[in-house]
C-alpha atoms as a PDB file:
ATOM      1  CA  UNK A   1     -37.699 -37.520  -7.643  1.00  0.00           C
ATOM      2  CA  UNK A   2     -34.470 -35.941  -5.354  1.00  0.00           C
ATOM      3  CA  UNK A   3     -31.207 -37.468  -6.323  1.00  0.00           C
ATOM      4  CA  UNK A   4     -29.712 -40.122  -4.110  1.00  0.00           C
ATOM      5  CA  UNK A   5     -26.349 -39.790  -2.557  1.00  0.00           C
ATOM      6  CA  UNK A   6     -24.155 -42.346  -4.366  1.00  0.00           C
ATOM      7  CA  UNK A   7     -22.662 -45.046  -1.011  1.00  0.00           C
ATOM      8  CA  UNK A   8     -19.066 -44.599  -2.014  1.00  0.00           C
ATOM      9  CA  UNK A   9     -20.005 -40.551  -0.851  1.00  0.00           C
ATOM     10  CA  UNK A  10     -22.014 -41.432   1.843  1.00  0.00           C
ATOM     11  CA  UNK A  11     -19.122 -43.843   3.504  1.00  0.00           C
ATOM     12  CA  UNK A  12     -16.543 -41.256   2.971  1.00  0.00           C
ATOM     13  CA  UNK A  13     -18.648 -39.004   4.594  1.00  0.00           C
ATOM     14  CA  UNK A  14     -19.878 -40.903   7.717  1.00  0.00           C
ATOM     15  CA  UNK A  15     -16.122 -42.009   8.430  1.00  0.00           C
ATOM     16  CA  UNK A  16     -15.422 -37.887   8.603  1.00  0.00           C
ATOM     17  CA  UNK A  17     -18.670 -37.751  10.972  1.00  0.00           C
ATOM     18  CA  UNK A  18     -17.690 -40.623  12.933  1.00  0.00           C
ATOM     19  CA  UNK A  19     -14.128 -39.008  13.703  1.00  0.00           C
ATOM     20  CA  UNK A  20     -15.715 -35.574  14.855  1.00  0.00           C
ATOM     21  CA  UNK A  21     -18.014 -37.684  17.284  1.00  0.00           C
ATOM     22  CA  UNK A  22     -16.160 -36.894  19.789  1.00  0.00           C
ATOM     23  CA  UNK A  23     -16.000 -33.362  21.445  1.00  0.00           C
ATOM     24  CA  UNK A  24     -12.347 -33.631  22.071  1.00  0.00           C
ATOM     25  CA  UNK A  25     -11.306 -34.231  18.488  1.00  0.00           C
ATOM     26  CA  UNK A  26     -13.839 -30.859  17.612  1.00  0.00           C
ATOM     27  CA  UNK A  27     -12.381 -28.686  20.451  1.00  0.00           C
ATOM     28  CA  UNK A  28      -8.903 -29.934  18.469  1.00  0.00           C
ATOM     29  CA  UNK A  29      -9.653 -29.687  14.571  1.00  0.00           C
ATOM     30  CA  UNK A  30     -10.855 -25.883  15.831  1.00  0.00           C
ATOM     31  CA  UNK A  31      -7.781 -25.166  17.524  1.00  0.00           C
ATOM     32  CA  UNK A  32      -5.334 -25.857  14.459  1.00  0.00           C
ATOM     33  CA  UNK A  33      -7.742 -24.653  12.117  1.00  0.00           C
ATOM     34  CA  UNK A  34      -7.908 -21.321  14.309  1.00  0.00           C
ATOM     35  CA  UNK A  35      -4.543 -21.386  14.707  1.00  0.00           C
ATOM     36  CA  UNK A  36      -2.778 -17.805  12.494  1.00  0.00           C
ATOM     37  CA  UNK A  37      -0.069 -20.211  10.973  1.00  0.00           C
ATOM     38  CA  UNK A  38      -2.703 -23.048  10.585  1.00  0.00           C
ATOM     39  CA  UNK A  39      -0.275 -25.388  12.567  1.00  0.00           C
ATOM     40  CA  UNK A  40       0.942 -25.598  16.400  1.00  0.00           C
ATOM     41  CA  UNK A  41       2.962 -28.014  18.670  1.00  0.00           C
ATOM     42  CA  UNK A  42       1.094 -31.153  20.135  1.00  0.00           C
ATOM     43  CA  UNK A  43       2.078 -29.873  23.532  1.00  0.00           C
ATOM     44  CA  UNK A  44       0.826 -25.914  23.201  1.00  0.00           C
ATOM     45  CA  UNK A  45      -2.991 -27.989  22.243  1.00  0.00           C
ATOM     46  CA  UNK A  46      -2.512 -29.792  25.479  1.00  0.00           C
ATOM     47  CA  UNK A  47      -1.754 -26.563  27.178  1.00  0.00           C
ATOM     48  CA  UNK A  48      -4.487 -24.383  25.498  1.00  0.00           C
ATOM     49  CA  UNK A  49      -6.925 -27.351  26.031  1.00  0.00           C
ATOM     50  CA  UNK A  50      -6.017 -28.087  29.541  1.00  0.00           C
ATOM     51  CA  UNK A  51      -6.079 -31.739  28.783  1.00  0.00           C
ATOM     52  CA  UNK A  52      -3.236 -34.466  28.613  1.00  0.00           C
ATOM     53  CA  UNK A  53      -0.473 -34.589  25.748  1.00  0.00           C
ATOM     54  CA  UNK A  54      -0.943 -38.217  25.568  1.00  0.00           C
ATOM     55  CA  UNK A  55      -4.679 -37.247  24.686  1.00  0.00           C
ATOM     56  CA  UNK A  56      -3.832 -34.714  22.651  1.00  0.00           C
ATOM     57  CA  UNK A  57      -2.086 -36.939  20.284  1.00  0.00           C
ATOM     58  CA  UNK A  58      -4.045 -40.107  20.278  1.00  0.00           C
ATOM     59  CA  UNK A  59      -6.658 -37.929  19.061  1.00  0.00           C
ATOM     60  CA  UNK A  60      -4.977 -35.967  16.347  1.00  0.00           C
ATOM     61  CA  UNK A  61      -3.247 -39.426  14.933  1.00  0.00           C
ATOM     62  CA  UNK A  62      -7.234 -40.178  14.302  1.00  0.00           C
ATOM     63  CA  UNK A  63      -7.818 -37.079  12.771  1.00  0.00           C
ATOM     64  CA  UNK A  64      -4.719 -37.499  10.724  1.00  0.00           C
ATOM     65  CA  UNK A  65      -6.566 -40.683   9.455  1.00  0.00           C
ATOM     66  CA  UNK A  66      -9.179 -39.511   7.480  1.00  0.00           C
ATOM     67  CA  UNK A  67      -7.172 -36.321   6.258  1.00  0.00           C
ATOM     68  CA  UNK A  68      -8.337 -33.602   9.065  1.00  0.00           C
ATOM     69  CA  UNK A  69      -4.894 -32.682   9.637  1.00  0.00           C
ATOM     70  CA  UNK A  70      -1.423 -33.775   8.984  1.00  0.00           C
ATOM     71  CA  UNK A  71       1.456 -34.157  11.180  1.00  0.00           C
ATOM     72  CA  UNK A  72       4.850 -33.392  10.856  1.00  0.00           C
ATOM     73  CA  UNK A  73       8.211 -34.156  13.519  1.00  0.00           C
ATOM     74  CA  UNK A  74      10.252 -31.358  14.269  1.00  0.00           C
ATOM     75  CA  UNK A  75      12.792 -32.333  16.821  1.00  0.00           C
ATOM     76  CA  UNK A  76      11.071 -33.610  19.353  1.00  0.00           C
ATOM     77  CA  UNK A  77       7.603 -31.991  19.068  1.00  0.00           C
ATOM     78  CA  UNK A  78       4.879 -33.148  16.889  1.00  0.00           C
ATOM     79  CA  UNK A  79       3.539 -29.873  14.449  1.00  0.00           C
ATOM     80  CA  UNK A  80       0.006 -30.871  14.028  1.00  0.00           C
ATOM     81  CA  UNK A  81      -1.702 -28.647  10.456  1.00  0.00           C
ATOM     82  CA  UNK A  82      -4.634 -27.661   9.267  1.00  0.00           C
ATOM     83  CA  UNK A  83      -5.236 -29.530   6.060  1.00  0.00           C
ATOM     84  CA  UNK A  84      -7.056 -26.667   4.287  1.00  0.00           C
ATOM     85  CA  UNK A  85      -9.032 -28.622   1.736  1.00  0.00           C
ATOM     86  CA  UNK A  86     -10.973 -29.868   4.751  1.00  0.00           C
ATOM     87  CA  UNK A  87     -12.330 -26.211   5.449  1.00  0.00           C
ATOM     88  CA  UNK A  88     -14.247 -26.314   1.985  1.00  0.00           C
ATOM     89  CA  UNK A  89     -14.933 -30.382   2.042  1.00  0.00           C
ATOM     90  CA  UNK A  90     -16.396 -30.940   5.327  1.00  0.00           C
ATOM     91  CA  UNK A  91     -18.940 -27.949   4.752  1.00  0.00           C
ATOM     92  CA  UNK A  92     -19.685 -29.140   1.143  1.00  0.00           C
ATOM     93  CA  UNK A  93     -20.456 -32.789   2.713  1.00  0.00           C
ATOM     94  CA  UNK A  94     -22.865 -31.013   5.793  1.00  0.00           C
ATOM     95  CA  UNK A  95     -24.674 -28.744   2.715  1.00  0.00           C
ATOM     96  CA  UNK A  96     -25.090 -32.718   0.347  1.00  0.00           C
ATOM     97  CA  UNK A  97     -26.107 -34.579   3.360  1.00  0.00           C
ATOM     98  CA  UNK A  98     -28.641 -32.130   4.530  1.00  0.00           C
ATOM     99  CA  UNK A  99     -29.599 -30.983   1.118  1.00  0.00           C
ATOM    100  CA  UNK A 100     -29.322 -28.107   0.957  1.00  0.00           C
ATOM    101  CA  UNK A 101     -27.341 -27.492  -2.606  1.00  0.00           C
ATOM    102  CA  UNK A 102     -30.894 -27.800  -3.557  1.00  0.00           C
ATOM    103  CA  UNK A 103     -31.420 -24.045  -2.493  1.00  0.00           C
ATOM    104  CA  UNK A 104     -28.396 -22.052  -3.513  1.00  0.00           C
ATOM    105  CA  UNK A 105     -28.243 -18.051  -2.467  1.00  0.00           C
ATOM    106  CA  UNK A 106     -28.908 -16.257  -6.000  1.00  0.00           C
ATOM    107  CA  UNK A 107     -25.819 -13.831  -4.974  1.00  0.00           C
ATOM    108  CA  UNK A 108     -24.851 -11.943  -1.825  1.00  0.00           C
ATOM    109  CA  UNK A 109     -27.037  -9.610   0.100  1.00  0.00           C
ATOM    110  CA  UNK A 110     -25.731  -6.987   2.477  1.00  0.00           C
ATOM    111  CA  UNK A 111     -24.095  -4.914  -0.241  1.00  0.00           C
ATOM    112  CA  UNK A 112     -21.387  -1.921   1.339  1.00  0.00           C
ATOM    113  CA  UNK A 113     -23.147   1.213   0.103  1.00  0.00           C
ATOM    114  CA  UNK A 114     -19.634   2.954  -0.120  1.00  0.00           C
ATOM    115  CA  UNK A 115     -18.546   0.724  -3.304  1.00  0.00           C
ATOM    116  CA  UNK A 116     -19.673   0.978  -6.770  1.00  0.00           C
ATOM    117  CA  UNK A 117     -19.101  -1.074  -9.144  1.00  0.00           C
ATOM    118  CA  UNK A 118     -19.256  -0.424 -13.729  1.00  0.00           C
ATOM    119  CA  UNK A 119     -18.035  -1.881 -16.949  1.00  0.00           C
ATOM    120  CA  UNK A 120     -14.569  -1.903 -17.134  1.00  0.00           C
ATOM    121  CA  UNK A 121     -12.800   0.362 -19.635  1.00  0.00           C
ATOM    122  CA  UNK A 122      -9.686  -0.162 -21.297  1.00  0.00           C
ATOM    123  CA  UNK A 123      -7.548   3.309 -19.577  1.00  0.00           C
ATOM    124  CA  UNK A 124      -8.369   0.990 -16.448  1.00  0.00           C
ATOM    125  CA  UNK A 125      -5.864  -1.831 -17.739  1.00  0.00           C
ATOM    126  CA  UNK A 126      -2.929  -0.322 -16.142  1.00  0.00           C
ATOM    127  CA  UNK A 127      -4.869   0.416 -12.540  1.00  0.00           C
ATOM    128  CA  UNK A 128      -6.039  -3.860 -13.002  1.00  0.00           C
ATOM    129  CA  UNK A 129      -2.892  -4.610 -13.977  1.00  0.00           C
ATOM    130  CA  UNK A 130      -1.449  -3.263 -10.246  1.00  0.00           C
ATOM    131  CA  UNK A 131      -4.768  -4.788  -8.469  1.00  0.00           C
ATOM    132  CA  UNK A 132      -4.102  -8.278 -10.173  1.00  0.00           C
ATOM    133  CA  UNK A 133       0.359  -7.544  -9.612  1.00  0.00           C
ATOM    134  CA  UNK A 134      -1.051  -7.735  -5.502  1.00  0.00           C
ATOM    135  CA  UNK A 135      -3.242 -10.444  -5.969  1.00  0.00           C
ATOM    136  CA  UNK A 136      -0.419 -12.806  -7.910  1.00  0.00           C
ATOM    137  CA  UNK A 137       2.458 -11.846  -5.127  1.00  0.00           C
ATOM    138  CA  UNK A 138      -0.016 -13.229  -2.257  1.00  0.00           C
ATOM    139  CA  UNK A 139       0.807 -16.856  -3.739  1.00  0.00           C
ATOM    140  CA  UNK A 140      -2.823 -17.526  -2.966  1.00  0.00           C
ATOM    141  CA  UNK A 141      -4.202 -15.791  -6.137  1.00  0.00           C
ATOM    142  CA  UNK A 142      -3.647 -18.143  -8.697  1.00  0.00           C
ATOM    143  CA  UNK A 143      -1.001 -19.967 -10.260  1.00  0.00           C
ATOM    144  CA  UNK A 144       0.188 -16.958 -12.455  1.00  0.00           C
ATOM    145  CA  UNK A 145       3.289 -15.721 -11.730  1.00  0.00           C
ATOM    146  CA  UNK A 146       3.723 -13.126 -13.665  1.00  0.00           C
ATOM    147  CA  UNK A 147       1.447  -9.968 -14.416  1.00  0.00           C
ATOM    148  CA  UNK A 148       0.154 -10.266 -17.667  1.00  0.00           C
ATOM    149  CA  UNK A 149       0.921  -6.856 -19.925  1.00  0.00           C
ATOM    150  CA  UNK A 150      -1.875  -4.732 -20.616  1.00  0.00           C
ATOM    151  CA  UNK A 151      -2.427  -5.336 -24.265  1.00  0.00           C
ATOM    152  CA  UNK A 152      -3.030  -9.074 -23.616  1.00  0.00           C
ATOM    153  CA  UNK A 153      -5.469  -8.169 -20.593  1.00  0.00           C
ATOM    154  CA  UNK A 154      -7.358  -6.723 -23.051  1.00  0.00           C
ATOM    155  CA  UNK A 155      -8.014  -9.074 -25.389  1.00  0.00           C
ATOM    156  CA  UNK A 156      -8.331 -11.385 -22.199  1.00  0.00           C
ATOM    157  CA  UNK A 157     -11.932 -11.866 -21.084  1.00  0.00           C
ATOM    158  CA  UNK A 158     -15.077 -12.088 -22.338  1.00  0.00           C
ATOM    159  CA  UNK A 159     -17.024  -8.715 -23.823  1.00  0.00           C
ATOM    160  CA  UNK A 160     -19.327  -7.191 -21.604  1.00  0.00           C
ATOM    161  CA  UNK A 161     -18.124  -8.956 -18.823  1.00  0.00           C
ATOM    162  CA  UNK A 162     -15.696  -6.951 -17.043  1.00  0.00           C
ATOM    163  CA  UNK A 163     -16.481  -4.587 -14.472  1.00  0.00           C
ATOM    164  CA  UNK A 164     -14.508  -2.690 -11.988  1.00  0.00           C
ATOM    165  CA  UNK A 165     -15.172  -1.375  -8.170  1.00  0.00           C
ATOM    166  CA  UNK A 166     -14.900   1.849  -7.187  1.00  0.00           C
ATOM    167  CA  UNK A 167     -14.057   3.165  -3.159  1.00  0.00           C
ATOM    168  CA  UNK A 168     -13.556   6.488  -1.141  1.00  0.00           C
ATOM    169  CA  UNK A 169      -9.772   5.678  -0.391  1.00  0.00           C
ATOM    170  CA  UNK A 170      -8.094   8.574   2.064  1.00  0.00           C
ATOM    171  CA  UNK A 171     -10.428  11.019   0.442  1.00  0.00           C
ATOM    172  CA  UNK A 172     -10.359  10.293  -2.979  1.00  0.00           C
ATOM    173  CA  UNK A 173     -12.247   8.093  -5.083  1.00  0.00           C
ATOM    174  CA  UNK A 174     -10.521   5.079  -6.485  1.00  0.00           C
ATOM    175  CA  UNK A 175     -10.292   1.757  -9.035  1.00  0.00           C
ATOM    176  CA  UNK A 176     -10.097  -0.676  -5.988  1.00  0.00           C
ATOM    177  CA  UNK A 177     -10.743  -4.298  -7.795  1.00  0.00           C
ATOM    178  CA  UNK A 178     -12.233  -5.829 -10.613  1.00  0.00           C
ATOM    179  CA  UNK A 179     -13.667  -9.339 -11.550  1.00  0.00           C
ATOM    180  CA  UNK A 180     -14.041 -10.473 -14.967  1.00  0.00           C
ATOM    181  CA  UNK A 181     -15.148 -13.797 -17.620  1.00  0.00           C
ATOM    182  CA  UNK A 182     -12.862 -15.234 -19.712  1.00  0.00           C
ATOM    183  CA  UNK A 183     -14.633 -18.296 -22.194  1.00  0.00           C
ATOM    184  CA  UNK A 184     -13.439 -21.398 -21.223  1.00  0.00           C
ATOM    185  CA  UNK A 185     -13.245 -22.689 -25.124  1.00  0.00           C
ATOM    186  CA  UNK A 186     -13.498 -21.330 -28.215  1.00  0.00           C
ATOM    187  CA  UNK A 187     -16.682 -23.688 -29.259  1.00  0.00           C
ATOM    188  CA  UNK A 188     -19.379 -22.826 -29.893  1.00  0.00           C
ATOM    189  CA  UNK A 189     -21.230 -25.108 -27.651  1.00  0.00           C
ATOM    190  CA  UNK A 190     -19.692 -23.758 -24.407  1.00  0.00           C
ATOM    191  CA  UNK A 191     -20.260 -19.792 -25.588  1.00  0.00           C
ATOM    192  CA  UNK A 192     -22.344 -19.512 -22.429  1.00  0.00           C
ATOM    193  CA  UNK A 193     -19.453 -21.097 -19.882  1.00  0.00           C
ATOM    194  CA  UNK A 194     -16.789 -19.259 -18.506  1.00  0.00           C
ATOM    195  CA  UNK A 195     -14.133 -18.717 -16.001  1.00  0.00           C
ATOM    196  CA  UNK A 196     -14.059 -15.903 -13.722  1.00  0.00           C
ATOM    197  CA  UNK A 197     -11.275 -14.024 -11.409  1.00  0.00           C
ATOM    198  CA  UNK A 198     -12.034 -11.466  -8.787  1.00  0.00           C
ATOM    199  CA  UNK A 199      -8.883  -9.183  -7.381  1.00  0.00           C
ATOM    200  CA  UNK A 200      -9.366  -6.874  -4.774  1.00  0.00           C
ATOM    201  CA  UNK A 201      -6.610  -3.860  -3.817  1.00  0.00           C
ATOM    202  CA  UNK A 202      -4.667  -4.296  -0.934  1.00  0.00           C
ATOM    203  CA  UNK A 203      -5.904  -0.975   1.137  1.00  0.00           C
ATOM    204  CA  UNK A 204      -9.386  -2.189   0.459  1.00  0.00           C
ATOM    205  CA  UNK A 205      -9.872  -5.367   1.369  1.00  0.00           C
ATOM    206  CA  UNK A 206     -12.529  -6.287   4.052  1.00  0.00           C
ATOM    207  CA  UNK A 207     -14.655  -3.637   2.831  1.00  0.00           C
ATOM    208  CA  UNK A 208     -17.280  -5.761   1.020  1.00  0.00           C
ATOM    209  CA  UNK A 209     -15.503  -4.779  -2.570  1.00  0.00           C
ATOM    210  CA  UNK A 210     -15.289  -8.549  -3.234  1.00  0.00           C
ATOM    211  CA  UNK A 211     -19.074  -8.916  -2.512  1.00  0.00           C
ATOM    212  CA  UNK A 212     -19.787  -6.173  -4.456  1.00  0.00           C
ATOM    213  CA  UNK A 213     -17.646  -7.169  -7.381  1.00  0.00           C
ATOM    214  CA  UNK A 214     -19.413 -11.067  -7.561  1.00  0.00           C
ATOM    215  CA  UNK A 215     -23.103  -9.423  -7.054  1.00  0.00           C
ATOM    216  CA  UNK A 216     -22.199  -7.534 -10.222  1.00  0.00           C
ATOM    217  CA  UNK A 217     -20.551 -10.373 -11.626  1.00  0.00           C
ATOM    218  CA  UNK A 218     -23.773 -13.119 -11.559  1.00  0.00           C
ATOM    219  CA  UNK A 219     -26.433 -10.815 -11.989  1.00  0.00           C
ATOM    220  CA  UNK A 220     -24.799  -9.560 -15.208  1.00  0.00           C
ATOM    221  CA  UNK A 221     -24.212 -13.447 -16.335  1.00  0.00           C
ATOM    222  CA  UNK A 222     -27.548 -14.199 -15.381  1.00  0.00           C
ATOM    223  CA  UNK A 223     -28.746 -11.254 -17.682  1.00  0.00           C
ATOM    224  CA  UNK A 224     -25.996 -11.832 -20.543  1.00  0.00           C
ATOM    225  CA  UNK A 225     -26.719 -15.254 -21.352  1.00  0.00           C
ATOM    226  CA  UNK A 226     -23.904 -17.400 -19.263  1.00  0.00           C
ATOM    227  CA  UNK A 227     -25.250 -20.446 -18.205  1.00  0.00           C
ATOM    228  CA  UNK A 228     -22.370 -21.215 -16.023  1.00  0.00           C
ATOM    229  CA  UNK A 229     -19.792 -19.518 -14.253  1.00  0.00           C
ATOM    230  CA  UNK A 230     -16.828 -21.833 -13.016  1.00  0.00           C
ATOM    231  CA  UNK A 231     -13.700 -21.212 -10.933  1.00  0.00           C
ATOM    232  CA  UNK A 232     -11.331 -22.370  -9.412  1.00  0.00           C
ATOM    233  CA  UNK A 233      -9.474 -21.337  -5.474  1.00  0.00           C
ATOM    234  CA  UNK A 234      -6.945 -22.256  -3.148  1.00  0.00           C
ATOM    235  CA  UNK A 235      -8.322 -23.850  -0.360  1.00  0.00           C
ATOM    236  CA  UNK A 236      -6.374 -21.420   2.045  1.00  0.00           C
ATOM    237  CA  UNK A 237      -8.221 -18.818   0.342  1.00  0.00           C
ATOM    238  CA  UNK A 238     -11.316 -19.136   2.578  1.00  0.00           C
ATOM    239  CA  UNK A 239     -13.065 -15.728   2.208  1.00  0.00           C
ATOM    240  CA  UNK A 240     -12.403 -16.166  -1.211  1.00  0.00           C
ATOM    241  CA  UNK A 241     -14.596 -19.539  -0.965  1.00  0.00           C
ATOM    242  CA  UNK A 242     -17.484 -18.005   1.720  1.00  0.00           C
ATOM    243  CA  UNK A 243     -17.891 -15.379  -0.440  1.00  0.00           C
ATOM    244  CA  UNK A 244     -18.553 -17.220  -3.781  1.00  0.00           C
ATOM    245  CA  UNK A 245     -20.900 -20.057  -1.477  1.00  0.00           C
ATOM    246  CA  UNK A 246     -22.619 -16.674  -0.771  1.00  0.00           C
ATOM    247  CA  UNK A 247     -23.441 -16.063  -4.433  1.00  0.00           C
ATOM    248  CA  UNK A 248     -24.587 -19.311  -5.228  1.00  0.00           C
ATOM    249  CA  UNK A 249     -21.095 -21.084  -6.036  1.00  0.00           C
ATOM    250  CA  UNK A 250     -21.294 -25.357  -4.967  1.00  0.00           C
ATOM    251  CA  UNK A 251     -18.087 -26.716  -4.578  1.00  0.00           C
ATOM    252  CA  UNK A 252     -17.897 -29.428  -7.320  1.00  0.00           C
ATOM    253  CA  UNK A 253     -14.008 -31.101  -6.125  1.00  0.00           C
ATOM    254  CA  UNK A 254     -10.863 -30.381  -4.572  1.00  0.00           C
ATOM    255  CA  UNK A 255      -8.783 -30.726  -6.951  1.00  0.00           C
ATOM    256  CA  UNK A 256      -5.134 -32.345  -5.458  1.00  0.00           C
ATOM    257  CA  UNK A 257      -1.480 -31.524  -6.295  1.00  0.00           C
ATOM    258  CA  UNK A 258      -3.256 -29.888  -9.963  1.00  0.00           C
ATOM    259  CA  UNK A 259      -0.429 -27.871  -9.917  1.00  0.00           C
ATOM    260  CA  UNK A 260       3.044 -26.428  -8.853  1.00  0.00           C
ATOM    261  CA  UNK A 261       3.903 -22.987  -7.891  1.00  0.00           C
ATOM    262  CA  UNK A 262       7.404 -21.848  -7.097  1.00  0.00           C
ATOM    263  CA  UNK A 263       7.854 -25.868  -7.128  1.00  0.00           C
ATOM    264  CA  UNK A 264       5.620 -26.674  -4.244  1.00  0.00           C
ATOM    265  CA  UNK A 265       2.682 -28.915  -5.299  1.00  0.00           C
ATOM    266  CA  UNK A 266      -0.931 -27.257  -4.997  1.00  0.00           C
ATOM    267  CA  UNK A 267      -4.814 -28.144  -4.606  1.00  0.00           C
ATOM    268  CA  UNK A 268      -7.497 -26.151  -5.434  1.00  0.00           C
ATOM    269  CA  UNK A 269     -11.741 -26.296  -5.014  1.00  0.00           C
ATOM    270  CA  UNK A 270     -13.357 -26.372  -8.213  1.00  0.00           C
ATOM    271  CA  UNK A 271     -16.663 -24.562  -7.799  1.00  0.00           C
ATOM    272  CA  UNK A 272     -19.428 -24.036 -10.328  1.00  0.00           C
ATOM    273  CA  UNK A 273     -22.640 -21.744 -10.470  1.00  0.00           C
ATOM    274  CA  UNK A 274     -25.137 -22.865 -12.775  1.00  0.00           C
ATOM    275  CA  UNK A 275     -28.386 -20.062 -13.679  1.00  0.00           C
ATOM    276  CA  UNK A 276     -31.506 -20.199 -12.273  1.00  0.00           C
ATOM    277  CA  UNK A 277     -34.068 -21.348 -14.373  1.00  0.00           C
ATOM    278  CA  UNK A 278     -36.805 -19.215 -15.216  1.00  0.00           C
END
């Protein structure tokens, strides 16, 4: 028997879909979410979409009521900012309602032909640390603020589940990314559960390096006896969330204000991938 949708979840999802039943609100949400900064003024939205400012104000208030956007007064203007968690929560709701989560993909397809992956060695750790530092600097990859020393990295990850990617950059073959699995507990019952990380060097982003790494990560995890992979991603990092969804990870929850980074409360999206039964 298939699982049923809980009444509370159905009520929440229905409120989201009801607000989006108006095409003007759909256009407004798209315009705000597509803005380069993720925020824009009510007056600018009115000009962009060719509708009156009072109409924009009315509809963004409805969007704010269910949490799709936030509103902030700046001088005489109202600034509308997208709630990044809705970029994950809304697609997840649609997947749940349509039963799409019962047919998860296995792993990313269309892998880049110019990117190769291999096991990480201790000799790779200084370069791995450099790429880790680049990710930390973005403030959208991890709550970590200090780059771990090489020796700490050497003992951080599960044996047999750390990988690097190599690609040609400026005429030479370079290590351009890494992925690794950390144990979530020392208890034997959790031996098959791991916390995953994926980092790509600045100069190699947008080339499919992350896709190649996650493909290696999940296929090796399946073959190596790991039955659950989990990860937490900042909702602002939409590309990483999409990459993990393509690898069969499901969004379990948005953890609101889970911790602070640089004194600011941040949300994370909790994702999980379960190994398919044979």
